[in-house]
Amino acid sequence: MQKAPSPKNHASKDQRLVFLVVFCAIAGAILNSSTAWAESVKCHQTENPSMQCVRKTPTMSAIEGGLMGIMAGTGAALGAVCKRFF
């Protein structure tokens, strides 16, 4: 006969899941925003920048990249632990 999981153990799993999702989201935001910033700066430094490059400032590119990084990091964390926790 199986034992019912103790509430303490269940809370510990929930805390680990939340930590993993938050950590991956933050890491994704940092990596993706810094990459977007660098690409934007490089694009602006070319001789003939494209119209898409001219429309976006490096700050806006970094913000968009950071938001995409949050979504990608969260999705990766949930995908990595899907079988283990659910």
PDB file of N, CA and C in Angstrom:
ATOM      1  N   MET A   1       0.831  -1.172   0.000  1.00  0.00           N
ATOM      2  CA  MET A   1       0.000   0.000   0.000  1.00  0.00           C
ATOM      3  C   MET A   1       0.887   1.251   0.000  1.00  0.00           C
ATOM      4  N   GLN A   2       0.577   2.215  -0.867  1.00  0.00           N
ATOM      5  CA  GLN A   2       1.379   3.421  -0.966  1.00  0.00           C
ATOM      6  C   GLN A   2       0.982   4.427   0.103  1.00  0.00           C
ATOM      7  N   LYS A   3       1.999   5.138   0.556  1.00  0.00           N
ATOM      8  CA  LYS A   3       1.740   6.216   1.507  1.00  0.00           C
ATOM      9  C   LYS A   3       1.321   7.463   0.749  1.00  0.00           C
ATOM     10  N   ALA A   4       0.474   8.213   1.364  1.00  0.00           N
ATOM     11  CA  ALA A   4       0.093   9.509   0.789  1.00  0.00           C
ATOM     12  C   ALA A   4       1.267  10.463   0.972  1.00  0.00           C
ATOM     13  N   PRO A   5       1.560  11.306  -0.042  1.00  0.00           N
ATOM     14  CA  PRO A   5       2.678  12.234   0.107  1.00  0.00           C
ATOM     15  C   PRO A   5       2.415  13.222   1.238  1.00  0.00           C
ATOM     16  N   SER A   6       3.460  13.454   2.005  1.00  0.00           N
ATOM     17  CA  SER A   6       3.314  14.383   3.120  1.00  0.00           C
ATOM     18  C   SER A   6       3.195  15.806   2.580  1.00  0.00           C
ATOM     19  N   PRO A   7       2.481  16.673   3.267  1.00  0.00           N
ATOM     20  CA  PRO A   7       2.327  18.061   2.816  1.00  0.00           C
ATOM     21  C   PRO A   7       3.666  18.780   2.703  1.00  0.00           C
ATOM     22  N   LYS A   8       4.612  18.441   3.581  1.00  0.00           N
ATOM     23  CA  LYS A   8       5.917  19.094   3.546  1.00  0.00           C
ATOM     24  C   LYS A   8       6.649  18.746   2.253  1.00  0.00           C
ATOM     25  N   ASN A   9       6.587  17.484   1.847  1.00  0.00           N
ATOM     26  CA  ASN A   9       7.247  17.049   0.624  1.00  0.00           C
ATOM     27  C   ASN A   9       6.611  17.699  -0.596  1.00  0.00           C
ATOM     28  N   HIS A  10       5.299  17.818  -0.600  1.00  0.00           N
ATOM     29  CA  HIS A  10       4.581  18.445  -1.710  1.00  0.00           C
ATOM     30  C   HIS A  10       4.953  19.925  -1.822  1.00  0.00           C
ATOM     31  N   ALA A  11       5.053  20.601  -0.698  1.00  0.00           N
ATOM     32  CA  ALA A  11       5.423  22.014  -0.709  1.00  0.00           C
ATOM     33  C   ALA A  11       6.849  22.182  -1.218  1.00  0.00           C
ATOM     34  N   SER A  12       7.710  21.266  -0.869  1.00  0.00           N
ATOM     35  CA  SER A  12       9.093  21.329  -1.323  1.00  0.00           C
ATOM     36  C   SER A  12       9.173  21.194  -2.840  1.00  0.00           C
ATOM     37  N   LYS A  13       8.374  20.289  -3.419  1.00  0.00           N
ATOM     38  CA  LYS A  13       8.351  20.124  -4.871  1.00  0.00           C
ATOM     39  C   LYS A  13       7.821  21.384  -5.545  1.00  0.00           C
ATOM     40  N   ASP A  14       6.796  21.975  -4.965  1.00  0.00           N
ATOM     41  CA  ASP A  14       6.242  23.206  -5.527  1.00  0.00           C
ATOM     42  C   ASP A  14       7.268  24.333  -5.497  1.00  0.00           C
ATOM     43  N   GLN A  15       7.998  24.434  -4.404  1.00  0.00           N
ATOM     44  CA  GLN A  15       9.011  25.476  -4.288  1.00  0.00           C
ATOM     45  C   GLN A  15      10.126  25.274  -5.303  1.00  0.00           C
ATOM     46  N   ARG A  16      10.528  24.025  -5.514  1.00  0.00           N
ATOM     47  CA  ARG A  16      11.569  23.745  -6.503  1.00  0.00           C
ATOM     48  C   ARG A  16      11.090  24.086  -7.906  1.00  0.00           C
ATOM     49  N   LEU A  17       9.845  23.766  -8.202  1.00  0.00           N
ATOM     50  CA  LEU A  17       9.285  24.071  -9.513  1.00  0.00           C
ATOM     51  C   LEU A  17       9.245  25.578  -9.745  1.00  0.00           C
ATOM     52  N   VAL A  18       8.777  26.310  -8.768  1.00  0.00           N
ATOM     53  CA  VAL A  18       8.712  27.768  -8.888  1.00  0.00           C
ATOM     54  C   VAL A  18      10.114  28.348  -9.046  1.00  0.00           C
ATOM     55  N   PHE A  19      11.066  27.862  -8.260  1.00  0.00           N
ATOM     56  CA  PHE A  19      12.443  28.340  -8.359  1.00  0.00           C
ATOM     57  C   PHE A  19      13.005  28.075  -9.754  1.00  0.00           C
ATOM     58  N   LEU A  20      12.792  26.885 -10.283  1.00  0.00           N
ATOM     59  CA  LEU A  20      13.311  26.529 -11.598  1.00  0.00           C
ATOM     60  C   LEU A  20      12.691  27.398 -12.690  1.00  0.00           C
ATOM     61  N   VAL A  21      11.403  27.605 -12.627  1.00  0.00           N
ATOM     62  CA  VAL A  21      10.728  28.433 -13.637  1.00  0.00           C
ATOM     63  C   VAL A  21      11.230  29.877 -13.556  1.00  0.00           C
ATOM     64  N   VAL A  22      11.329  30.418 -12.359  1.00  0.00           N
ATOM     65  CA  VAL A  22      11.788  31.806 -12.196  1.00  0.00           C
ATOM     66  C   VAL A  22      13.238  31.941 -12.650  1.00  0.00           C
ATOM     67  N   PHE A  23      14.080  30.999 -12.258  1.00  0.00           N
ATOM     68  CA  PHE A  23      15.487  31.054 -12.641  1.00  0.00           C
ATOM     69  C   PHE A  23      15.654  30.993 -14.161  1.00  0.00           C
ATOM     70  N   CYS A  24      14.953  30.073 -14.805  1.00  0.00           N
ATOM     71  CA  CYS A  24      15.055  29.943 -16.267  1.00  0.00           C
ATOM     72  C   CYS A  24      14.498  31.173 -16.975  1.00  0.00           C
ATOM     73  N   ALA A  25      13.429  31.740 -16.450  1.00  0.00           N
ATOM     74  CA  ALA A  25      12.855  32.946 -17.054  1.00  0.00           C
ATOM     75  C   ALA A  25      13.824  34.120 -16.952  1.00  0.00           C
ATOM     76  N   ILE A  26      14.454  34.280 -15.803  1.00  0.00           N
ATOM     77  CA  ILE A  26      15.415  35.372 -15.627  1.00  0.00           C
ATOM     78  C   ILE A  26      16.638  35.163 -16.512  1.00  0.00           C
ATOM     79  N   ALA A  27      17.138  33.935 -16.559  1.00  0.00           N
ATOM     80  CA  ALA A  27      18.295  33.641 -17.409  1.00  0.00           C
ATOM     81  C   ALA A  27      17.964  33.891 -18.879  1.00  0.00           C
ATOM     82  N   GLY A  28      16.783  33.463 -19.299  1.00  0.00           N
ATOM     83  CA  GLY A  28      16.370  33.706 -20.679  1.00  0.00           C
ATOM     84  C   GLY A  28      16.252  35.182 -20.993  1.00  0.00           C
ATOM     85  N   ALA A  29      15.710  35.939 -20.072  1.00  0.00           N
ATOM     86  CA  ALA A  29      15.561  37.382 -20.278  1.00  0.00           C
ATOM     87  C   ALA A  29      16.919  38.064 -20.406  1.00  0.00           C
ATOM     88  N   ILE A  30      17.852  37.699 -19.553  1.00  0.00           N
ATOM     89  CA  ILE A  30      19.187  38.319 -19.586  1.00  0.00           C
ATOM     90  C   ILE A  30      19.910  37.966 -20.880  1.00  0.00           C
ATOM     91  N   LEU A  31      19.918  36.685 -21.211  1.00  0.00           N
ATOM     92  CA  LEU A  31      20.633  36.257 -22.414  1.00  0.00           C
ATOM     93  C   LEU A  31      20.007  36.816 -23.685  1.00  0.00           C
ATOM     94  N   ASN A  32      18.710  36.746 -23.782  1.00  0.00           N
ATOM     95  CA  ASN A  32      18.048  37.192 -25.004  1.00  0.00           C
ATOM     96  C   ASN A  32      18.081  38.708 -25.156  1.00  0.00           C
ATOM     97  N   SER A  33      17.952  39.445 -24.066  1.00  0.00           N
ATOM     98  CA  SER A  33      17.979  40.904 -24.187  1.00  0.00           C
ATOM     99  C   SER A  33      19.379  41.403 -24.529  1.00  0.00           C
ATOM    100  N   SER A  34      20.402  40.781 -23.958  1.00  0.00           N
ATOM    101  CA  SER A  34      21.761  41.214 -24.294  1.00  0.00           C
ATOM    102  C   SER A  34      22.108  40.876 -25.740  1.00  0.00           C
ATOM    103  N   THR A  35      21.617  39.748 -26.234  1.00  0.00           N
ATOM    104  CA  THR A  35      21.840  39.394 -27.635  1.00  0.00           C
ATOM    105  C   THR A  35      21.114  40.363 -28.560  1.00  0.00           C
ATOM    106  N   ALA A  36      19.887  40.694 -28.245  1.00  0.00           N
ATOM    107  CA  ALA A  36      19.117  41.636 -29.070  1.00  0.00           C
ATOM    108  C   ALA A  36      19.769  43.018 -29.062  1.00  0.00           C
ATOM    109  N   TRP A  37      20.269  43.436 -27.904  1.00  0.00           N
ATOM    110  CA  TRP A  37      20.948  44.732 -27.800  1.00  0.00           C
ATOM    111  C   TRP A  37      22.183  44.745 -28.699  1.00  0.00           C
ATOM    112  N   ALA A  38      22.993  43.698 -28.623  1.00  0.00           N
ATOM    113  CA  ALA A  38      24.220  43.636 -29.419  1.00  0.00           C
ATOM    114  C   ALA A  38      23.908  43.614 -30.920  1.00  0.00           C
ATOM    115  N   GLU A  39      22.893  42.860 -31.314  1.00  0.00           N
ATOM    116  CA  GLU A  39      22.505  42.820 -32.727  1.00  0.00           C
ATOM    117  C   GLU A  39      22.050  44.182 -33.212  1.00  0.00           C
ATOM    118  N   SER A  40      21.286  44.870 -32.388  1.00  0.00           N
ATOM    119  CA  SER A  40      20.772  46.179 -32.768  1.00  0.00           C
ATOM    120  C   SER A  40      21.905  47.197 -32.915  1.00  0.00           C
ATOM    121  N   VAL A  41      22.831  47.183 -31.992  1.00  0.00           N
ATOM    122  CA  VAL A  41      23.966  48.110 -32.065  1.00  0.00           C
ATOM    123  C   VAL A  41      24.801  47.808 -33.306  1.00  0.00           C
ATOM    124  N   LYS A  42      25.031  46.538 -33.567  1.00  0.00           N
ATOM    125  CA  LYS A  42      25.804  46.141 -34.750  1.00  0.00           C
ATOM    126  C   LYS A  42      25.089  46.577 -36.022  1.00  0.00           C
ATOM    127  N   CYS A  43      23.778  46.436 -36.048  1.00  0.00           N
ATOM    128  CA  CYS A  43      22.988  46.829 -37.217  1.00  0.00           C
ATOM    129  C   CYS A  43      23.079  48.335 -37.452  1.00  0.00           C
ATOM    130  N   HIS A  44      23.021  49.116 -36.385  1.00  0.00           N
ATOM    131  CA  HIS A  44      23.086  50.576 -36.513  1.00  0.00           C
ATOM    132  C   HIS A  44      24.464  51.051 -36.946  1.00  0.00           C
ATOM    133  N   GLN A  45      25.496  50.255 -36.726  1.00  0.00           N
ATOM    134  CA  GLN A  45      26.855  50.658 -37.073  1.00  0.00           C
ATOM    135  C   GLN A  45      27.231  50.323 -38.517  1.00  0.00           C
ATOM    136  N   THR A  46      26.382  49.603 -39.223  1.00  0.00           N
ATOM    137  CA  THR A  46      26.691  49.273 -40.611  1.00  0.00           C
ATOM    138  C   THR A  46      26.561  50.515 -41.487  1.00  0.00           C
ATOM    139  N   GLU A  47      27.145  50.429 -42.682  1.00  0.00           N
ATOM    140  CA  GLU A  47      27.107  51.558 -43.602  1.00  0.00           C
ATOM    141  C   GLU A  47      25.695  51.876 -44.079  1.00  0.00           C
ATOM    142  N   ASN A  48      24.964  50.839 -44.464  1.00  0.00           N
ATOM    143  CA  ASN A  48      23.595  51.008 -44.948  1.00  0.00           C
ATOM    144  C   ASN A  48      22.642  50.181 -44.095  1.00  0.00           C
ATOM    145  N   PRO A  49      22.197  50.721 -42.961  1.00  0.00           N
ATOM    146  CA  PRO A  49      21.283  49.942 -42.115  1.00  0.00           C
ATOM    147  C   PRO A  49      19.927  49.747 -42.796  1.00  0.00           C
ATOM    148  N   SER A  50      19.323  48.604 -42.544  1.00  0.00           N
ATOM    149  CA  SER A  50      18.013  48.315 -43.132  1.00  0.00           C
ATOM    150  C   SER A  50      16.939  49.173 -42.462  1.00  0.00           C
ATOM    151  N   MET A  51      15.784  49.227 -43.101  1.00  0.00           N
ATOM    152  CA  MET A  51      14.679  50.021 -42.568  1.00  0.00           C
ATOM    153  C   MET A  51      14.213  49.456 -41.224  1.00  0.00           C
ATOM    154  N   GLN A  52      14.192  48.148 -41.100  1.00  0.00           N
ATOM    155  CA  GLN A  52      13.785  47.522 -39.839  1.00  0.00           C
ATOM    156  C   GLN A  52      14.755  47.907 -38.722  1.00  0.00           C
ATOM    157  N   CYS A  53      16.022  47.982 -39.068  1.00  0.00           N
ATOM    158  CA  CYS A  53      17.040  48.352 -38.084  1.00  0.00           C
ATOM    159  C   CYS A  53      16.863  49.806 -37.641  1.00  0.00           C
ATOM    160  N   VAL A  54      16.547  50.677 -38.573  1.00  0.00           N
ATOM    161  CA  VAL A  54      16.426  52.100 -38.267  1.00  0.00           C
ATOM    162  C   VAL A  54      15.217  52.372 -37.376  1.00  0.00           C
ATOM    163  N   ARG A  55      14.154  51.606 -37.548  1.00  0.00           N
ATOM    164  CA  ARG A  55      12.925  51.836 -36.784  1.00  0.00           C
ATOM    165  C   ARG A  55      13.057  51.491 -35.306  1.00  0.00           C
ATOM    166  N   LYS A  56      13.923  50.545 -34.977  1.00  0.00           N
ATOM    167  CA  LYS A  56      14.032  50.087 -33.583  1.00  0.00           C
ATOM    168  C   LYS A  56      15.286  50.644 -32.928  1.00  0.00           C
ATOM    169  N   THR A  57      15.123  51.152 -31.730  1.00  0.00           N
ATOM    170  CA  THR A  57      16.280  51.575 -30.953  1.00  0.00           C
ATOM    171  C   THR A  57      16.855  50.351 -30.245  1.00  0.00           C
ATOM    172  N   PRO A  58      18.114  50.390 -29.850  1.00  0.00           N
ATOM    173  CA  PRO A  58      18.681  49.258 -29.112  1.00  0.00           C
ATOM    174  C   PRO A  58      17.911  48.938 -27.828  1.00  0.00           C
ATOM    175  N   THR A  59      17.368  49.966 -27.189  1.00  0.00           N
ATOM    176  CA  THR A  59      16.609  49.741 -25.958  1.00  0.00           C
ATOM    177  C   THR A  59      15.335  48.948 -26.233  1.00  0.00           C
ATOM    178  N   MET A  60      14.619  49.319 -27.278  1.00  0.00           N
ATOM    179  CA  MET A  60      13.389  48.590 -27.625  1.00  0.00           C
ATOM    180  C   MET A  60      13.700  47.160 -28.038  1.00  0.00           C
ATOM    181  N   SER A  61      14.794  46.970 -28.760  1.00  0.00           N
ATOM    182  CA  SER A  61      15.195  45.618 -29.153  1.00  0.00           C
ATOM    183  C   SER A  61      15.515  44.775 -27.919  1.00  0.00           C
ATOM    184  N   ALA A  62      16.184  45.386 -26.950  1.00  0.00           N
ATOM    185  CA  ALA A  62      16.521  44.663 -25.726  1.00  0.00           C
ATOM    186  C   ALA A  62      15.270  44.301 -24.931  1.00  0.00           C
ATOM    187  N   ILE A  63      14.307  45.207 -24.886  1.00  0.00           N
ATOM    188  CA  ILE A  63      13.061  44.925 -24.160  1.00  0.00           C
ATOM    189  C   ILE A  63      12.307  43.787 -24.837  1.00  0.00           C
ATOM    190  N   GLU A  64      12.184  43.856 -26.157  1.00  0.00           N
ATOM    191  CA  GLU A  64      11.507  42.775 -26.882  1.00  0.00           C
ATOM    192  C   GLU A  64      12.238  41.450 -26.709  1.00  0.00           C
ATOM    193  N   GLY A  65      13.568  41.503 -26.779  1.00  0.00           N
ATOM    194  CA  GLY A  65      14.359  40.285 -26.589  1.00  0.00           C
ATOM    195  C   GLY A  65      14.202  39.722 -25.192  1.00  0.00           C
ATOM    196  N   GLY A  66      14.146  40.594 -24.204  1.00  0.00           N
ATOM    197  CA  GLY A  66      13.959  40.145 -22.827  1.00  0.00           C
ATOM    198  C   GLY A  66      12.616  39.475 -22.616  1.00  0.00           C
ATOM    199  N   LEU A  67      11.569  40.035 -23.206  1.00  0.00           N
ATOM    200  CA  LEU A  67      10.238  39.428 -23.076  1.00  0.00           C
ATOM    201  C   LEU A  67      10.191  38.063 -23.763  1.00  0.00           C
ATOM    202  N   MET A  68      10.812  37.958 -24.917  1.00  0.00           N
ATOM    203  CA  MET A  68      10.869  36.663 -25.597  1.00  0.00           C
ATOM    204  C   MET A  68      11.690  35.669 -24.772  1.00  0.00           C
ATOM    205  N   GLY A  69      12.744  36.154 -24.140  1.00  0.00           N
ATOM    206  CA  GLY A  69      13.568  35.296 -23.295  1.00  0.00           C
ATOM    207  C   GLY A  69      12.813  34.775 -22.082  1.00  0.00           C
ATOM    208  N   ILE A  70      11.956  35.610 -21.518  1.00  0.00           N
ATOM    209  CA  ILE A  70      11.131  35.174 -20.383  1.00  0.00           C
ATOM    210  C   ILE A  70      10.209  34.041 -20.806  1.00  0.00           C
ATOM    211  N   MET A  71       9.571  34.224 -21.966  1.00  0.00           N
ATOM    212  CA  MET A  71       8.670  33.172 -22.443  1.00  0.00           C
ATOM    213  C   MET A  71       9.429  31.899 -22.792  1.00  0.00           C
ATOM    214  N   ALA A  72      10.579  32.044 -23.438  1.00  0.00           N
ATOM    215  CA  ALA A  72      11.360  30.864 -23.809  1.00  0.00           C
ATOM    216  C   ALA A  72      11.899  30.141 -22.580  1.00  0.00           C
ATOM    217  N   GLY A  73      12.391  30.891 -21.610  1.00  0.00           N
ATOM    218  CA  GLY A  73      12.918  30.276 -20.385  1.00  0.00           C
ATOM    219  C   GLY A  73      11.843  29.572 -19.585  1.00  0.00           C
ATOM    220  N   THR A  74      10.682  30.187 -19.489  1.00  0.00           N
ATOM    221  CA  THR A  74       9.569  29.575 -18.768  1.00  0.00           C
ATOM    222  C   THR A  74       9.115  28.300 -19.470  1.00  0.00           C
ATOM    223  N   GLY A  75       8.999  28.360 -20.770  1.00  0.00           N
ATOM    224  CA  GLY A  75       8.604  27.177 -21.533  1.00  0.00           C
ATOM    225  C   GLY A  75       9.615  26.057 -21.410  1.00  0.00           C
ATOM    226  N   ALA A  76      10.888  26.398 -21.440  1.00  0.00           N
ATOM    227  CA  ALA A  76      11.938  25.382 -21.304  1.00  0.00           C
ATOM    228  C   ALA A  76      11.896  24.735 -19.926  1.00  0.00           C
ATOM    229  N   ALA A  77      11.702  25.539 -18.896  1.00  0.00           N
ATOM    230  CA  ALA A  77      11.654  24.988 -17.535  1.00  0.00           C
ATOM    231  C   ALA A  77      10.446  24.074 -17.365  1.00  0.00           C
ATOM    232  N   LEU A  78       9.304  24.508 -17.851  1.00  0.00           N
ATOM    233  CA  LEU A  78       8.105  23.674 -17.722  1.00  0.00           C
ATOM    234  C   LEU A  78       8.230  22.402 -18.549  1.00  0.00           C
ATOM    235  N   GLY A  79       8.824  22.501 -19.720  1.00  0.00           N
ATOM    236  CA  GLY A  79       9.028  21.313 -20.543  1.00  0.00           C
ATOM    237  C   GLY A  79      10.004  20.340 -19.924  1.00  0.00           C
ATOM    238  N   ALA A  80      11.019  20.861 -19.250  1.00  0.00           N
ATOM    239  CA  ALA A  80      12.031  20.001 -18.640  1.00  0.00           C
ATOM    240  C   ALA A  80      11.495  19.226 -17.448  1.00  0.00           C
ATOM    241  N   VAL A  81      10.561  19.793 -16.725  1.00  0.00           N
ATOM    242  CA  VAL A  81      10.075  19.137 -15.507  1.00  0.00           C
ATOM    243  C   VAL A  81       8.665  18.580 -15.661  1.00  0.00           C
ATOM    244  N   CYS A  82       8.135  18.614 -16.852  1.00  0.00           N
ATOM    245  CA  CYS A  82       6.745  18.202 -17.062  1.00  0.00           C
ATOM    246  C   CYS A  82       6.489  16.777 -16.563  1.00  0.00           C
ATOM    247  N   LYS A  83       7.322  15.838 -16.944  1.00  0.00           N
ATOM    248  CA  LYS A  83       7.111  14.453 -16.538  1.00  0.00           C
ATOM    249  C   LYS A  83       7.392  14.261 -15.053  1.00  0.00           C
ATOM    250  N   ARG A  84       8.374  14.966 -14.559  1.00  0.00           N
ATOM    251  CA  ARG A  84       8.786  14.746 -13.174  1.00  0.00           C
ATOM    252  C   ARG A  84       7.757  15.234 -12.155  1.00  0.00           C
ATOM    253  N   PHE A  85       7.149  16.394 -12.433  1.00  0.00           N
ATOM    254  CA  PHE A  85       6.248  16.988 -11.456  1.00  0.00           C
ATOM    255  C   PHE A  85       4.784  16.709 -11.718  1.00  0.00           C
ATOM    256  N   PHE A  86       4.433  16.381 -12.950  1.00  0.00           N
ATOM    257  CA  PHE A  86       3.012  16.235 -13.269  1.00  0.00           C
ATOM    258  C   PHE A  86       2.674  14.816 -13.591  1.00  0.00           C
TER     259      PHE A  86
END
